Amino acid sequence: MSVSGVGVIPDRHVHPGTRADLARLGSLAAEAARLGTEARKAQAEADEGPDAMRMLVAEAAMAGEALDAADVARIVRERQEAAVAAQAVADGTRYAVDKVRREVADGITERRAEWLTYLHGQAAHGLARLDLVLSELEAAVENLAEIDRVRQTVESPGAGRLFSAGSLIAGNAVEQARQARERAAAALAGLERHAAKVSKAKTAA
């Protein structure tokens, strides 16, 4: 799920109890951004100088709707009031966003144990699946390397030892994949420690 002001969070990794709060935060943050843009636009109109006002008066006069000094003063006043009001609305909405963000953070803290357990199950499944993929990758690369070794002899049989050539196909692709797996396991080790702590607490209860 994409949360404005927070970022993109894979929906499958979001704790069910926090999803609604994150969605509310995202909607409010998006609205705050829109109101901020409108406030800046209103302020820009209020800050327009004499040249812009003269152009406004000229355009009105050419359209047969002449403006006098009172009309111009009213327009200036209305623009200034609109700018102040738009800024107040934008500021209030940003304050609400900050408040909801704190509520979301509190909710995450409150559900930390449940969420970490939730993630641990996903991580364990992910690592197990990665191990399976690595085994399949290793077998597939080894098979291709064997084909390559046989190919070399069939293409150029010599008087020396047959089918003894090496293959460059294997390289270090599998090793790099295994290193990536180890890095993932190390990064997610905290989840394993959390699960062990939860299991120990349940056993002692």
N, C-alpha and C. Protein backbone atom coordinates (compact mmCIF):
# COMPACT_ATOMS: atom_id res chain seq x y z
N MET A 1 0.84 -1.19 0.00
CA MET A 1 0.00 0.00 0.00
C MET A 1 0.88 1.25 0.00
N SER A 2 0.43 2.27 -0.75
CA SER A 2 1.18 3.52 -0.84
C SER A 2 0.58 4.52 0.13
N VAL A 3 1.40 5.03 1.04
CA VAL A 3 0.93 5.97 2.06
C VAL A 3 1.62 7.31 1.84
N SER A 4 0.85 8.31 1.44
CA SER A 4 1.42 9.64 1.21
C SER A 4 2.09 10.15 2.47
N GLY A 5 3.29 10.67 2.32
CA GLY A 5 4.02 11.19 3.47
C GLY A 5 4.78 10.12 4.23
N VAL A 6 4.62 8.85 3.85
CA VAL A 6 5.32 7.75 4.52
C VAL A 6 6.14 6.96 3.51
N GLY A 7 5.48 6.50 2.45
CA GLY A 7 6.15 5.72 1.42
C GLY A 7 5.31 4.52 1.03
N VAL A 8 5.93 3.61 0.31
CA VAL A 8 5.25 2.41 -0.17
C VAL A 8 5.57 1.25 0.76
N ILE A 9 4.54 0.61 1.27
CA ILE A 9 4.70 -0.53 2.18
C ILE A 9 4.00 -1.73 1.55
N PRO A 10 4.72 -2.84 1.31
CA PRO A 10 4.06 -4.02 0.76
C PRO A 10 2.87 -4.42 1.63
N ASP A 11 1.70 -4.47 1.04
CA ASP A 11 0.47 -4.71 1.81
C ASP A 11 0.54 -6.01 2.61
N ARG A 12 1.21 -7.02 2.05
CA ARG A 12 1.25 -8.32 2.72
C ARG A 12 2.07 -8.28 4.00
N HIS A 13 2.89 -7.23 4.17
CA HIS A 13 3.71 -7.12 5.37
C HIS A 13 3.13 -6.15 6.41
N VAL A 14 1.97 -5.60 6.11
CA VAL A 14 1.34 -4.64 7.04
C VAL A 14 0.47 -5.40 8.04
N HIS A 15 0.66 -5.09 9.32
CA HIS A 15 -0.18 -5.72 10.35
C HIS A 15 -1.64 -5.30 10.13
N PRO A 16 -2.55 -6.27 10.12
CA PRO A 16 -3.96 -5.96 9.86
C PRO A 16 -4.52 -4.85 10.77
N GLY A 17 -4.05 -4.83 12.01
CA GLY A 17 -4.57 -3.84 12.95
C GLY A 17 -4.08 -2.43 12.69
N THR A 18 -3.08 -2.28 11.84
CA THR A 18 -2.50 -0.96 11.56
C THR A 18 -2.89 -0.45 10.18
N ARG A 19 -3.44 -1.31 9.36
CA ARG A 19 -3.75 -0.94 7.97
C ARG A 19 -4.70 0.25 7.89
N ALA A 20 -5.75 0.25 8.69
CA ALA A 20 -6.73 1.35 8.65
C ALA A 20 -6.10 2.67 9.07
N ASP A 21 -5.26 2.64 10.10
CA ASP A 21 -4.60 3.87 10.55
C ASP A 21 -3.65 4.41 9.49
N LEU A 22 -2.93 3.53 8.82
CA LEU A 22 -2.02 3.95 7.76
C LEU A 22 -2.78 4.55 6.58
N ALA A 23 -3.92 3.94 6.25
CA ALA A 23 -4.74 4.46 5.16
C ALA A 23 -5.27 5.85 5.51
N ARG A 24 -5.70 6.02 6.77
CA ARG A 24 -6.19 7.34 7.20
C ARG A 24 -5.08 8.37 7.14
N LEU A 25 -3.89 7.99 7.56
CA LEU A 25 -2.74 8.90 7.51
C LEU A 25 -2.43 9.28 6.07
N GLY A 26 -2.46 8.31 5.17
CA GLY A 26 -2.17 8.58 3.77
C GLY A 26 -3.16 9.55 3.15
N SER A 27 -4.44 9.35 3.42
CA SER A 27 -5.47 10.24 2.88
C SER A 27 -5.32 11.65 3.42
N LEU A 28 -5.05 11.76 4.70
CA LEU A 28 -4.91 13.07 5.33
C LEU A 28 -3.66 13.79 4.82
N ALA A 29 -2.57 13.03 4.65
CA ALA A 29 -1.33 13.63 4.16
C ALA A 29 -1.49 14.13 2.72
N ALA A 30 -2.21 13.37 1.91
CA ALA A 30 -2.46 13.79 0.53
C ALA A 30 -3.30 15.06 0.50
N GLU A 31 -4.30 15.12 1.37
CA GLU A 31 -5.15 16.32 1.46
C GLU A 31 -4.34 17.52 1.94
N ALA A 32 -3.44 17.29 2.89
CA ALA A 32 -2.60 18.37 3.40
C ALA A 32 -1.70 18.92 2.29
N ALA A 33 -1.18 18.03 1.46
CA ALA A 33 -0.34 18.46 0.34
C ALA A 33 -1.14 19.31 -0.65
N ARG A 34 -2.38 18.89 -0.92
CA ARG A 34 -3.24 19.64 -1.84
C ARG A 34 -3.57 21.03 -1.28
N LEU A 35 -3.92 21.07 0.00
CA LEU A 35 -4.26 22.34 0.63
C LEU A 35 -3.04 23.27 0.70
N GLY A 36 -1.86 22.68 0.90
CA GLY A 36 -0.64 23.49 0.92
C GLY A 36 -0.40 24.16 -0.41
N THR A 37 -0.66 23.41 -1.49
CA THR A 37 -0.51 23.98 -2.83
C THR A 37 -1.50 25.12 -3.04
N GLU A 38 -2.74 24.93 -2.61
CA GLU A 38 -3.76 25.97 -2.75
C GLU A 38 -3.40 27.20 -1.92
N ALA A 39 -2.85 26.99 -0.74
CA ALA A 39 -2.47 28.12 0.11
C ALA A 39 -1.35 28.93 -0.53
N ARG A 40 -0.39 28.24 -1.13
CA ARG A 40 0.71 28.95 -1.81
C ARG A 40 0.19 29.73 -3.01
N LYS A 41 -0.76 29.15 -3.72
CA LYS A 41 -1.34 29.84 -4.86
C LYS A 41 -2.10 31.09 -4.41
N ALA A 42 -2.88 30.97 -3.33
CA ALA A 42 -3.64 32.10 -2.81
C ALA A 42 -2.70 33.20 -2.32
N GLN A 43 -1.60 32.80 -1.70
CA GLN A 43 -0.64 33.80 -1.21
C GLN A 43 0.04 34.52 -2.38
N ALA A 44 0.31 33.76 -3.44
CA ALA A 44 0.93 34.37 -4.62
C ALA A 44 0.01 35.42 -5.23
N GLU A 45 -1.30 35.12 -5.26
CA GLU A 45 -2.27 36.10 -5.78
C GLU A 45 -2.35 37.32 -4.88
N ALA A 46 -2.29 37.10 -3.57
CA ALA A 46 -2.36 38.22 -2.62
C ALA A 46 -1.11 39.09 -2.71
N ASP A 47 0.01 38.49 -3.11
CA ASP A 47 1.27 39.22 -3.17
C ASP A 47 1.50 39.92 -4.51
N GLU A 48 0.54 39.81 -5.42
CA GLU A 48 0.71 40.45 -6.72
C GLU A 48 0.86 41.97 -6.54
N GLY A 49 1.80 42.52 -7.24
CA GLY A 49 2.12 43.94 -7.10
C GLY A 49 1.22 44.85 -7.91
N PRO A 50 1.56 46.15 -7.92
CA PRO A 50 0.76 47.16 -8.64
C PRO A 50 0.60 46.83 -10.13
N ASP A 51 1.64 46.30 -10.76
CA ASP A 51 1.55 46.00 -12.19
C ASP A 51 0.43 45.01 -12.47
N ALA A 52 0.33 43.97 -11.63
CA ALA A 52 -0.71 42.96 -11.81
C ALA A 52 -2.09 43.57 -11.60
N MET A 53 -2.21 44.46 -10.62
CA MET A 53 -3.51 45.09 -10.35
C MET A 53 -3.87 46.03 -11.50
N ARG A 54 -2.88 46.74 -12.04
CA ARG A 54 -3.17 47.62 -13.19
C ARG A 54 -3.66 46.81 -14.38
N MET A 55 -3.05 45.64 -14.59
CA MET A 55 -3.48 44.78 -15.68
C MET A 55 -4.91 44.29 -15.46
N LEU A 56 -5.24 43.98 -14.21
CA LEU A 56 -6.60 43.54 -13.88
C LEU A 56 -7.61 44.65 -14.18
N VAL A 57 -7.27 45.87 -13.80
CA VAL A 57 -8.15 47.01 -14.05
C VAL A 57 -8.29 47.25 -15.54
N ALA A 58 -7.17 47.14 -16.28
CA ALA A 58 -7.21 47.37 -17.73
C ALA A 58 -8.09 46.33 -18.42
N GLU A 59 -7.93 45.07 -18.03
CA GLU A 59 -8.73 44.01 -18.64
C GLU A 59 -10.22 44.21 -18.35
N ALA A 60 -10.53 44.62 -17.13
CA ALA A 60 -11.94 44.87 -16.78
C ALA A 60 -12.49 46.02 -17.59
N ALA A 61 -11.69 47.08 -17.75
CA ALA A 61 -12.14 48.25 -18.52
C ALA A 61 -12.41 47.88 -19.97
N MET A 62 -11.51 47.09 -20.57
CA MET A 62 -11.69 46.66 -21.96
C MET A 62 -12.91 45.78 -22.13
N ALA A 63 -13.28 45.09 -21.06
CA ALA A 63 -14.46 44.23 -21.11
C ALA A 63 -15.73 44.99 -20.76
N GLY A 64 -15.60 46.31 -20.55
CA GLY A 64 -16.77 47.13 -20.23
C GLY A 64 -17.21 47.02 -18.79
N GLU A 65 -16.32 46.54 -17.92
CA GLU A 65 -16.65 46.38 -16.49
C GLU A 65 -15.62 47.16 -15.68
N ALA A 66 -15.64 48.47 -15.82
CA ALA A 66 -14.64 49.33 -15.19
C ALA A 66 -14.62 49.16 -13.67
N LEU A 67 -13.41 49.14 -13.12
CA LEU A 67 -13.23 49.02 -11.67
C LEU A 67 -12.75 50.35 -11.13
N ASP A 68 -13.31 50.76 -9.99
CA ASP A 68 -12.80 51.97 -9.37
C ASP A 68 -11.89 51.60 -8.20
N ALA A 69 -11.40 52.60 -7.49
CA ALA A 69 -10.45 52.36 -6.40
C ALA A 69 -11.05 51.46 -5.33
N ALA A 70 -12.35 51.65 -5.05
CA ALA A 70 -13.00 50.83 -4.02
C ALA A 70 -13.04 49.37 -4.44
N ASP A 71 -13.29 49.16 -5.74
CA ASP A 71 -13.32 47.77 -6.24
C ASP A 71 -11.95 47.11 -6.10
N VAL A 72 -10.93 47.88 -6.48
CA VAL A 72 -9.58 47.34 -6.38
C VAL A 72 -9.21 47.04 -4.94
N ALA A 73 -9.57 47.97 -4.03
CA ALA A 73 -9.28 47.76 -2.61
C ALA A 73 -9.99 46.51 -2.10
N ARG A 74 -11.23 46.33 -2.57
CA ARG A 74 -11.99 45.14 -2.16
C ARG A 74 -11.32 43.86 -2.66
N ILE A 75 -10.86 43.86 -3.91
CA ILE A 75 -10.20 42.68 -4.48
C ILE A 75 -8.92 42.35 -3.70
N VAL A 76 -8.14 43.41 -3.41
CA VAL A 76 -6.91 43.20 -2.65
C VAL A 76 -7.22 42.60 -1.28
N ARG A 77 -8.25 43.17 -0.63
CA ARG A 77 -8.62 42.70 0.70
C ARG A 77 -9.11 41.25 0.65
N GLU A 78 -9.94 40.93 -0.33
CA GLU A 78 -10.48 39.58 -0.46
C GLU A 78 -9.36 38.56 -0.72
N ARG A 79 -8.38 38.95 -1.55
CA ARG A 79 -7.27 38.05 -1.84
C ARG A 79 -6.42 37.81 -0.60
N GLN A 80 -6.19 38.87 0.15
CA GLN A 80 -5.41 38.72 1.38
C GLN A 80 -6.13 37.85 2.39
N GLU A 81 -7.45 38.08 2.53
CA GLU A 81 -8.24 37.26 3.45
C GLU A 81 -8.27 35.80 3.00
N ALA A 82 -8.38 35.59 1.67
CA ALA A 82 -8.40 34.23 1.14
C ALA A 82 -7.07 33.53 1.40
N ALA A 83 -5.97 34.28 1.26
CA ALA A 83 -4.65 33.70 1.51
C ALA A 83 -4.49 33.30 2.96
N VAL A 84 -4.93 34.18 3.87
CA VAL A 84 -4.84 33.88 5.30
C VAL A 84 -5.69 32.66 5.65
N ALA A 85 -6.90 32.61 5.09
CA ALA A 85 -7.80 31.48 5.38
C ALA A 85 -7.24 30.18 4.83
N ALA A 86 -6.71 30.22 3.58
CA ALA A 86 -6.16 29.01 2.97
C ALA A 86 -4.96 28.51 3.76
N GLN A 87 -4.13 29.42 4.24
CA GLN A 87 -2.96 29.02 5.02
C GLN A 87 -3.38 28.40 6.34
N ALA A 88 -4.43 28.98 6.95
CA ALA A 88 -4.92 28.44 8.23
C ALA A 88 -5.43 27.02 8.05
N VAL A 89 -6.16 26.79 6.96
CA VAL A 89 -6.68 25.45 6.69
C VAL A 89 -5.54 24.47 6.44
N ALA A 90 -4.55 24.92 5.65
CA ALA A 90 -3.41 24.05 5.35
C ALA A 90 -2.63 23.73 6.62
N ASP A 91 -2.39 24.76 7.46
CA ASP A 91 -1.64 24.54 8.70
C ASP A 91 -2.40 23.59 9.64
N GLY A 92 -3.70 23.78 9.72
CA GLY A 92 -4.51 22.92 10.59
C GLY A 92 -4.49 21.48 10.12
N THR A 93 -4.53 21.29 8.81
CA THR A 93 -4.51 19.93 8.27
C THR A 93 -3.15 19.28 8.50
N ARG A 94 -2.07 20.06 8.34
CA ARG A 94 -0.73 19.52 8.61
C ARG A 94 -0.59 19.13 10.08
N TYR A 95 -1.20 19.93 10.95
CA TYR A 95 -1.17 19.60 12.38
C TYR A 95 -1.89 18.26 12.60
N ALA A 96 -3.02 18.09 11.91
CA ALA A 96 -3.76 16.83 12.04
C ALA A 96 -2.93 15.66 11.54
N VAL A 97 -2.18 15.89 10.44
CA VAL A 97 -1.32 14.83 9.90
C VAL A 97 -0.28 14.43 10.94
N ASP A 98 0.35 15.42 11.57
CA ASP A 98 1.36 15.12 12.59
C ASP A 98 0.74 14.34 13.75
N LYS A 99 -0.47 14.73 14.13
CA LYS A 99 -1.15 14.05 15.23
C LYS A 99 -1.46 12.59 14.87
N VAL A 100 -1.97 12.38 13.66
CA VAL A 100 -2.29 11.02 13.22
C VAL A 100 -1.02 10.20 13.07
N ARG A 101 0.06 10.84 12.60
CA ARG A 101 1.33 10.12 12.46
C ARG A 101 1.82 9.63 13.82
N ARG A 102 1.64 10.47 14.83
CA ARG A 102 2.02 10.03 16.19
C ARG A 102 1.14 8.88 16.65
N GLU A 103 -0.15 8.95 16.31
CA GLU A 103 -1.07 7.86 16.68
C GLU A 103 -0.66 6.56 15.99
N VAL A 104 -0.25 6.67 14.72
CA VAL A 104 0.19 5.48 13.99
C VAL A 104 1.45 4.90 14.64
N ALA A 105 2.39 5.80 15.00
CA ALA A 105 3.62 5.34 15.66
C ALA A 105 3.29 4.66 16.99
N ASP A 106 2.35 5.23 17.73
CA ASP A 106 1.94 4.62 18.99
C ASP A 106 1.31 3.26 18.75
N GLY A 107 0.51 3.17 17.67
CA GLY A 107 -0.12 1.90 17.34
C GLY A 107 0.89 0.83 16.97
N ILE A 108 1.94 1.25 16.25
CA ILE A 108 3.01 0.30 15.89
C ILE A 108 3.71 -0.19 17.15
N THR A 109 3.98 0.75 18.06
CA THR A 109 4.64 0.37 19.31
C THR A 109 3.77 -0.60 20.11
N GLU A 110 2.48 -0.30 20.14
CA GLU A 110 1.53 -1.14 20.89
C GLU A 110 1.46 -2.55 20.31
N ARG A 111 1.56 -2.65 18.99
CA ARG A 111 1.43 -3.96 18.33
C ARG A 111 2.78 -4.54 17.95
N ARG A 112 3.86 -4.00 18.49
CA ARG A 112 5.20 -4.41 18.06
C ARG A 112 5.40 -5.92 18.16
N ALA A 113 5.06 -6.49 19.30
CA ALA A 113 5.28 -7.93 19.50
C ALA A 113 4.49 -8.75 18.48
N GLU A 114 3.21 -8.38 18.28
CA GLU A 114 2.38 -9.12 17.32
C GLU A 114 2.93 -8.96 15.90
N TRP A 115 3.33 -7.74 15.57
CA TRP A 115 3.81 -7.46 14.22
C TRP A 115 5.11 -8.20 13.93
N LEU A 116 6.02 -8.22 14.92
CA LEU A 116 7.28 -8.93 14.73
C LEU A 116 7.05 -10.42 14.57
N THR A 117 6.09 -10.96 15.32
CA THR A 117 5.75 -12.37 15.16
C THR A 117 5.18 -12.63 13.77
N TYR A 118 4.36 -11.70 13.33
CA TYR A 118 3.75 -11.75 11.99
C TYR A 118 4.84 -11.76 10.92
N LEU A 119 5.83 -10.89 11.07
CA LEU A 119 6.93 -10.80 10.11
C LEU A 119 7.86 -12.01 10.20
N HIS A 120 8.02 -12.55 11.42
CA HIS A 120 8.89 -13.72 11.57
C HIS A 120 8.37 -14.89 10.75
N GLY A 121 7.08 -15.12 10.80
CA GLY A 121 6.49 -16.20 10.01
C GLY A 121 6.73 -15.99 8.52
N GLN A 122 6.59 -14.75 8.07
CA GLN A 122 6.82 -14.45 6.66
C GLN A 122 8.29 -14.63 6.29
N ALA A 123 9.18 -14.19 7.19
CA ALA A 123 10.62 -14.31 6.92
C ALA A 123 11.05 -15.77 6.86
N ALA A 124 10.53 -16.58 7.79
CA ALA A 124 10.88 -18.00 7.80
C ALA A 124 10.43 -18.67 6.51
N HIS A 125 9.22 -18.33 6.08
CA HIS A 125 8.70 -18.89 4.83
C HIS A 125 9.55 -18.41 3.65
N GLY A 126 9.93 -17.12 3.66
CA GLY A 126 10.72 -16.57 2.58
C GLY A 126 12.09 -17.20 2.48
N LEU A 127 12.74 -17.40 3.62
CA LEU A 127 14.07 -18.02 3.62
C LEU A 127 13.99 -19.49 3.17
N ALA A 128 12.96 -20.19 3.60
CA ALA A 128 12.79 -21.58 3.19
C ALA A 128 12.59 -21.66 1.68
N ARG A 129 11.81 -20.74 1.15
CA ARG A 129 11.57 -20.71 -0.30
C ARG A 129 12.86 -20.36 -1.04
N LEU A 130 13.64 -19.44 -0.46
CA LEU A 130 14.91 -19.07 -1.08
C LEU A 130 15.87 -20.25 -1.09
N ASP A 131 15.90 -21.04 -0.01
CA ASP A 131 16.75 -22.23 0.03
C ASP A 131 16.38 -23.20 -1.08
N LEU A 132 15.07 -23.36 -1.29
CA LEU A 132 14.61 -24.26 -2.35
C LEU A 132 15.04 -23.74 -3.72
N VAL A 133 14.89 -22.43 -3.91
CA VAL A 133 15.29 -21.82 -5.19
C VAL A 133 16.79 -21.98 -5.41
N LEU A 134 17.58 -21.79 -4.34
CA LEU A 134 19.03 -21.93 -4.45
C LEU A 134 19.42 -23.36 -4.84
N SER A 135 18.75 -24.33 -4.23
CA SER A 135 19.03 -25.73 -4.57
C SER A 135 18.71 -26.01 -6.03
N GLU A 136 17.58 -25.48 -6.49
CA GLU A 136 17.19 -25.66 -7.89
C GLU A 136 18.17 -24.94 -8.81
N LEU A 137 18.60 -23.74 -8.39
CA LEU A 137 19.56 -22.99 -9.19
C LEU A 137 20.89 -23.73 -9.31
N GLU A 138 21.35 -24.25 -8.19
CA GLU A 138 22.62 -24.97 -8.19
C GLU A 138 22.56 -26.19 -9.10
N ALA A 139 21.44 -26.92 -9.01
CA ALA A 139 21.28 -28.12 -9.85
C ALA A 139 21.20 -27.74 -11.32
N ALA A 140 20.48 -26.64 -11.61
CA ALA A 140 20.33 -26.22 -13.01
C ALA A 140 21.65 -25.75 -13.60
N VAL A 141 22.42 -24.98 -12.82
CA VAL A 141 23.72 -24.50 -13.29
C VAL A 141 24.68 -25.66 -13.49
N GLU A 142 24.66 -26.60 -12.55
CA GLU A 142 25.54 -27.77 -12.67
C GLU A 142 25.20 -28.58 -13.91
N ASN A 143 23.91 -28.72 -14.19
CA ASN A 143 23.48 -29.46 -15.38
C ASN A 143 23.96 -28.77 -16.65
N LEU A 144 23.85 -27.43 -16.71
CA LEU A 144 24.30 -26.68 -17.88
C LEU A 144 25.82 -26.77 -18.04
N ALA A 145 26.53 -26.77 -16.91
CA ALA A 145 27.99 -26.89 -16.96
C ALA A 145 28.39 -28.26 -17.52
N GLU A 146 27.67 -29.32 -17.13
CA GLU A 146 27.96 -30.66 -17.64
C GLU A 146 27.71 -30.71 -19.14
N ILE A 147 26.61 -30.08 -19.56
CA ILE A 147 26.31 -30.03 -21.00
C ILE A 147 27.44 -29.32 -21.74
N ASP A 148 27.93 -28.24 -21.14
CA ASP A 148 29.00 -27.47 -21.76
C ASP A 148 30.29 -28.29 -21.88
N ARG A 149 30.61 -29.05 -20.84
CA ARG A 149 31.82 -29.87 -20.87
C ARG A 149 31.73 -30.95 -21.97
N VAL A 150 30.57 -31.57 -22.06
CA VAL A 150 30.37 -32.58 -23.10
C VAL A 150 30.43 -31.93 -24.48
N ARG A 151 29.83 -30.76 -24.62
CA ARG A 151 29.82 -30.04 -25.90
C ARG A 151 31.24 -29.80 -26.39
N GLN A 152 32.12 -29.41 -25.47
CA GLN A 152 33.49 -29.09 -25.87
C GLN A 152 34.21 -30.30 -26.47
N THR A 153 34.00 -31.46 -25.88
CA THR A 153 34.65 -32.68 -26.39
C THR A 153 34.03 -33.11 -27.72
N VAL A 154 32.70 -33.02 -27.80
CA VAL A 154 32.02 -33.42 -29.04
C VAL A 154 32.42 -32.52 -30.20
N GLU A 155 32.58 -31.24 -29.94
CA GLU A 155 32.96 -30.31 -31.00
C GLU A 155 34.43 -30.48 -31.40
N SER A 156 35.29 -30.79 -30.43
CA SER A 156 36.72 -30.91 -30.72
C SER A 156 37.33 -32.11 -30.00
N PRO A 157 37.00 -33.32 -30.43
CA PRO A 157 37.59 -34.50 -29.79
C PRO A 157 39.08 -34.58 -30.11
N GLY A 158 39.90 -34.75 -29.14
CA GLY A 158 41.33 -34.82 -29.38
C GLY A 158 41.89 -36.15 -28.92
N ALA A 159 43.21 -36.28 -29.06
CA ALA A 159 43.85 -37.53 -28.67
C ALA A 159 44.04 -37.62 -27.17
N GLY A 160 43.91 -36.49 -26.50
CA GLY A 160 44.11 -36.49 -25.06
C GLY A 160 42.90 -37.05 -24.33
N ARG A 161 42.78 -36.64 -23.09
CA ARG A 161 41.66 -37.12 -22.27
C ARG A 161 40.35 -36.54 -22.79
N LEU A 162 39.36 -37.39 -22.94
CA LEU A 162 38.05 -36.96 -23.42
C LEU A 162 37.16 -36.52 -22.26
N PHE A 163 36.29 -35.58 -22.53
CA PHE A 163 35.30 -35.12 -21.55
C PHE A 163 35.94 -34.64 -20.24
N SER A 164 37.10 -34.03 -20.38
CA SER A 164 37.79 -33.56 -19.18
C SER A 164 37.87 -32.04 -19.10
N ALA A 165 37.33 -31.37 -20.09
CA ALA A 165 37.40 -29.91 -20.10
C ALA A 165 36.53 -29.32 -19.00
N GLY A 166 36.94 -28.15 -18.54
CA GLY A 166 36.13 -27.46 -17.54
C GLY A 166 35.11 -26.56 -18.20
N SER A 167 34.23 -26.00 -17.42
CA SER A 167 33.20 -25.10 -17.94
C SER A 167 33.20 -23.79 -17.16
N LEU A 168 33.00 -22.69 -17.89
CA LEU A 168 32.95 -21.38 -17.25
C LEU A 168 31.52 -20.97 -16.89
N ILE A 169 30.58 -21.86 -17.18
CA ILE A 169 29.18 -21.50 -16.94
C ILE A 169 28.89 -21.29 -15.46
N ALA A 170 29.38 -22.19 -14.62
CA ALA A 170 29.05 -22.12 -13.19
C ALA A 170 29.49 -20.79 -12.60
N GLY A 171 30.75 -20.41 -12.84
CA GLY A 171 31.25 -19.14 -12.32
C GLY A 171 30.97 -19.02 -10.83
N ASN A 172 30.58 -17.85 -10.39
CA ASN A 172 30.28 -17.65 -8.97
C ASN A 172 28.84 -17.21 -8.75
N ALA A 173 27.97 -17.49 -9.74
CA ALA A 173 26.58 -17.06 -9.63
C ALA A 173 25.89 -17.68 -8.42
N VAL A 174 26.09 -18.98 -8.25
CA VAL A 174 25.44 -19.67 -7.12
C VAL A 174 26.00 -19.16 -5.81
N GLU A 175 27.31 -18.97 -5.75
CA GLU A 175 27.93 -18.48 -4.52
C GLU A 175 27.41 -17.10 -4.15
N GLN A 176 27.26 -16.24 -5.14
CA GLN A 176 26.71 -14.91 -4.88
C GLN A 176 25.28 -14.99 -4.35
N ALA A 177 24.52 -15.92 -4.90
CA ALA A 177 23.14 -16.10 -4.45
C ALA A 177 23.12 -16.59 -3.00
N ARG A 178 24.03 -17.49 -2.68
CA ARG A 178 24.10 -18.01 -1.30
C ARG A 178 24.54 -16.91 -0.33
N GLN A 179 25.43 -16.05 -0.78
CA GLN A 179 25.86 -14.93 0.06
C GLN A 179 24.69 -13.97 0.30
N ALA A 180 23.87 -13.77 -0.72
CA ALA A 180 22.69 -12.93 -0.56
C ALA A 180 21.73 -13.54 0.46
N ARG A 181 21.63 -14.86 0.44
CA ARG A 181 20.77 -15.57 1.40
C ARG A 181 21.30 -15.37 2.82
N GLU A 182 22.61 -15.45 2.99
CA GLU A 182 23.21 -15.27 4.31
C GLU A 182 23.01 -13.84 4.82
N ARG A 183 23.12 -12.87 3.90
CA ARG A 183 22.88 -11.47 4.30
C ARG A 183 21.44 -11.28 4.73
N ALA A 184 20.53 -11.91 4.02
CA ALA A 184 19.11 -11.82 4.39
C ALA A 184 18.86 -12.43 5.76
N ALA A 185 19.47 -13.59 6.00
CA ALA A 185 19.30 -14.27 7.28
C ALA A 185 19.87 -13.42 8.42
N ALA A 186 21.01 -12.78 8.16
CA ALA A 186 21.63 -11.94 9.20
C ALA A 186 20.77 -10.72 9.49
N ALA A 187 20.23 -10.12 8.42
CA ALA A 187 19.40 -8.92 8.60
C ALA A 187 18.12 -9.24 9.36
N LEU A 188 17.60 -10.45 9.17
CA LEU A 188 16.33 -10.84 9.80
C LEU A 188 16.52 -11.63 11.08
N ALA A 189 17.76 -11.70 11.57
CA ALA A 189 18.05 -12.49 12.77
C ALA A 189 17.28 -11.98 13.98
N GLY A 190 17.02 -10.68 14.01
CA GLY A 190 16.27 -10.11 15.13
C GLY A 190 14.89 -10.72 15.26
N LEU A 191 14.28 -11.06 14.13
CA LEU A 191 12.95 -11.69 14.16
C LEU A 191 13.04 -13.08 14.79
N GLU A 192 14.14 -13.78 14.50
CA GLU A 192 14.32 -15.11 15.09
C GLU A 192 14.49 -15.00 16.60
N ARG A 193 15.25 -14.00 17.04
CA ARG A 193 15.43 -13.80 18.49
C ARG A 193 14.11 -13.44 19.15
N HIS A 194 13.32 -12.63 18.46
CA HIS A 194 12.00 -12.26 19.00
C HIS A 194 11.13 -13.50 19.14
N ALA A 195 11.13 -14.36 18.12
CA ALA A 195 10.30 -15.57 18.16
C ALA A 195 10.75 -16.48 19.30
N ALA A 196 12.05 -16.57 19.52
CA ALA A 196 12.57 -17.40 20.60
C ALA A 196 12.13 -16.85 21.96
N LYS A 197 12.15 -15.53 22.08
CA LYS A 197 11.72 -14.91 23.33
C LYS A 197 10.24 -15.15 23.61
N VAL A 198 9.42 -15.04 22.54
CA VAL A 198 7.99 -15.28 22.69
C VAL A 198 7.73 -16.74 23.07
N SER A 199 8.47 -17.65 22.42
CA SER A 199 8.30 -19.08 22.72
C SER A 199 8.69 -19.38 24.16
N LYS A 200 9.75 -18.76 24.63
CA LYS A 200 10.22 -18.98 26.00
C LYS A 200 9.19 -18.45 27.01
N ALA A 201 8.61 -17.30 26.68
CA ALA A 201 7.59 -16.72 27.57
C ALA A 201 6.36 -17.61 27.65
N LYS A 202 5.97 -18.18 26.49
CA LYS A 202 4.81 -19.07 26.48
C LYS A 202 5.08 -20.35 27.28
N THR A 203 6.29 -20.84 27.18
CA THR A 203 6.66 -22.06 27.90
C THR A 203 6.65 -21.81 29.41
N ALA A 204 7.11 -20.61 29.82
CA ALA A 204 7.18 -20.28 31.25
C ALA A 204 5.80 -19.98 31.82
N ALA A 205 4.86 -19.60 30.95
CA ALA A 205 3.52 -19.21 31.44
C ALA A 205 2.73 -20.43 31.95
